[in-house]
N, C-alpha and C. Protein backbone atom coordinates (compact mmCIF):
# COMPACT_ATOMS: atom_id res chain seq x y z
N UNK A 1 -80.92 56.45 -149.80
CA UNK A 1 -80.95 55.32 -150.71
C UNK A 1 -80.68 55.83 -152.13
N UNK A 2 -79.96 55.05 -152.92
CA UNK A 2 -79.52 55.50 -154.24
C UNK A 2 -80.55 55.30 -155.34
N UNK A 3 -81.57 54.52 -155.13
CA UNK A 3 -82.54 54.24 -156.18
C UNK A 3 -82.11 53.09 -157.09
N UNK A 4 -81.02 52.44 -156.76
CA UNK A 4 -80.54 51.30 -157.53
C UNK A 4 -80.90 50.03 -156.78
N UNK A 5 -81.48 49.08 -157.51
CA UNK A 5 -81.85 47.81 -156.90
C UNK A 5 -81.29 46.67 -157.74
N UNK A 6 -80.80 45.66 -157.08
CA UNK A 6 -80.35 44.45 -157.77
C UNK A 6 -81.49 43.45 -157.69
N UNK A 7 -81.95 43.03 -158.86
CA UNK A 7 -83.10 42.12 -158.93
C UNK A 7 -82.72 40.92 -159.78
N UNK A 8 -83.40 39.80 -159.61
CA UNK A 8 -83.14 38.64 -160.46
C UNK A 8 -83.45 38.99 -161.93
N UNK A 9 -82.67 38.39 -162.83
CA UNK A 9 -82.89 38.64 -164.25
C UNK A 9 -84.24 38.09 -164.68
N UNK A 10 -84.97 38.89 -165.44
CA UNK A 10 -86.24 38.47 -166.00
C UNK A 10 -86.23 38.80 -167.49
N UNK A 11 -87.00 38.08 -168.27
CA UNK A 11 -87.00 38.27 -169.73
C UNK A 11 -87.25 39.72 -170.13
N UNK A 12 -88.09 40.42 -169.40
CA UNK A 12 -88.38 41.82 -169.76
C UNK A 12 -87.18 42.74 -169.57
N UNK A 13 -86.12 42.25 -168.93
CA UNK A 13 -84.90 43.04 -168.76
C UNK A 13 -83.95 42.91 -169.94
N UNK A 14 -84.22 41.99 -170.86
CA UNK A 14 -83.26 41.65 -171.91
C UNK A 14 -82.84 42.85 -172.76
N UNK A 15 -83.78 43.68 -173.18
CA UNK A 15 -83.43 44.82 -174.04
C UNK A 15 -82.53 45.81 -173.30
N UNK A 16 -82.84 46.10 -172.05
CA UNK A 16 -82.00 47.01 -171.27
C UNK A 16 -80.65 46.40 -170.96
N UNK A 17 -80.62 45.10 -170.65
CA UNK A 17 -79.37 44.38 -170.41
C UNK A 17 -78.46 44.51 -171.63
N UNK A 18 -79.03 44.30 -172.83
CA UNK A 18 -78.27 44.39 -174.07
C UNK A 18 -77.74 45.81 -174.29
N UNK A 19 -78.63 46.79 -174.15
CA UNK A 19 -78.27 48.19 -174.38
C UNK A 19 -77.16 48.65 -173.44
N UNK A 20 -77.31 48.37 -172.15
CA UNK A 20 -76.32 48.79 -171.17
C UNK A 20 -74.96 48.13 -171.40
N UNK A 21 -74.97 46.86 -171.70
CA UNK A 21 -73.72 46.15 -171.92
C UNK A 21 -73.04 46.56 -173.21
N UNK A 22 -73.81 46.74 -174.29
CA UNK A 22 -73.21 47.22 -175.54
C UNK A 22 -72.55 48.57 -175.33
N UNK A 23 -73.18 49.41 -174.55
CA UNK A 23 -72.66 50.76 -174.32
C UNK A 23 -71.26 50.72 -173.70
N UNK A 24 -71.10 49.98 -172.59
CA UNK A 24 -69.78 50.00 -171.95
C UNK A 24 -68.76 49.17 -172.73
N UNK A 25 -69.19 48.08 -173.36
CA UNK A 25 -68.23 47.28 -174.15
C UNK A 25 -67.70 48.11 -175.31
N UNK A 26 -68.59 48.82 -176.01
CA UNK A 26 -68.17 49.64 -177.15
C UNK A 26 -67.22 50.76 -176.74
N UNK A 27 -67.42 51.31 -175.54
CA UNK A 27 -66.55 52.39 -175.08
C UNK A 27 -65.15 51.90 -174.71
N UNK A 28 -65.06 50.68 -174.19
CA UNK A 28 -63.78 50.19 -173.68
C UNK A 28 -63.11 49.13 -174.55
N UNK A 29 -63.91 48.42 -175.34
CA UNK A 29 -63.40 47.28 -176.11
C UNK A 29 -64.01 47.28 -177.50
N UNK A 30 -63.90 46.15 -178.17
CA UNK A 30 -64.56 45.92 -179.45
C UNK A 30 -65.58 44.80 -179.25
N UNK A 31 -66.77 45.00 -179.79
CA UNK A 31 -67.80 43.97 -179.70
C UNK A 31 -67.34 42.77 -180.53
N UNK A 32 -67.41 41.60 -179.92
CA UNK A 32 -67.01 40.36 -180.60
C UNK A 32 -68.20 39.41 -180.65
N UNK A 33 -68.09 38.40 -181.49
CA UNK A 33 -69.17 37.43 -181.68
C UNK A 33 -69.67 36.83 -180.35
N UNK A 34 -68.78 36.41 -179.44
CA UNK A 34 -69.29 35.84 -178.17
C UNK A 34 -70.10 36.86 -177.36
N UNK A 35 -69.73 38.13 -177.44
CA UNK A 35 -70.50 39.17 -176.75
C UNK A 35 -71.93 39.20 -177.28
N UNK A 36 -72.05 39.19 -178.60
CA UNK A 36 -73.38 39.25 -179.22
C UNK A 36 -74.18 37.99 -178.94
N UNK A 37 -73.52 36.85 -178.86
CA UNK A 37 -74.23 35.61 -178.54
C UNK A 37 -74.91 35.72 -177.18
N UNK A 38 -74.20 36.25 -176.20
CA UNK A 38 -74.76 36.41 -174.86
C UNK A 38 -75.82 37.50 -174.86
N UNK A 39 -75.54 38.62 -175.50
CA UNK A 39 -76.47 39.75 -175.47
C UNK A 39 -77.73 39.48 -176.28
N UNK A 40 -77.63 38.65 -177.31
CA UNK A 40 -78.81 38.31 -178.10
C UNK A 40 -79.66 37.24 -177.43
N UNK A 41 -79.08 36.49 -176.51
CA UNK A 41 -79.82 35.45 -175.80
C UNK A 41 -79.35 35.41 -174.34
N UNK A 42 -79.58 36.48 -173.59
CA UNK A 42 -79.08 36.51 -172.21
C UNK A 42 -79.71 35.44 -171.33
N UNK A 43 -80.96 35.11 -171.57
CA UNK A 43 -81.61 34.10 -170.74
C UNK A 43 -80.92 32.75 -170.90
N UNK A 44 -80.60 32.39 -172.14
CA UNK A 44 -79.90 31.13 -172.39
C UNK A 44 -78.51 31.14 -171.80
N UNK A 45 -77.81 32.28 -171.93
CA UNK A 45 -76.45 32.37 -171.40
C UNK A 45 -76.44 32.27 -169.89
N UNK A 46 -77.37 32.94 -169.24
CA UNK A 46 -77.45 32.91 -167.78
C UNK A 46 -77.86 31.52 -167.31
N UNK A 47 -78.82 30.91 -168.00
CA UNK A 47 -79.26 29.56 -167.63
C UNK A 47 -78.14 28.56 -167.77
N UNK A 48 -77.33 28.69 -168.84
CA UNK A 48 -76.22 27.76 -169.05
C UNK A 48 -75.14 27.94 -167.99
N UNK A 49 -74.97 29.14 -167.46
CA UNK A 49 -73.96 29.37 -166.43
C UNK A 49 -74.35 28.67 -165.13
N UNK A 50 -75.64 28.55 -164.89
CA UNK A 50 -76.11 27.92 -163.66
C UNK A 50 -76.07 26.40 -163.73
N UNK A 51 -75.98 25.88 -164.93
CA UNK A 51 -76.01 24.42 -165.10
C UNK A 51 -74.67 23.80 -164.80
């Protein structure tokens, strides 16, 4: 087993979600306003996608 688990998003994951996503976006692209909107409020962005 690899030690990697896929779990439902929870509010306590927000800081790690932001950090991990900023890392790969900055390496491959340029951070843009829509990126920050999602990363600053991932719960709202995820909830809106389900609606």
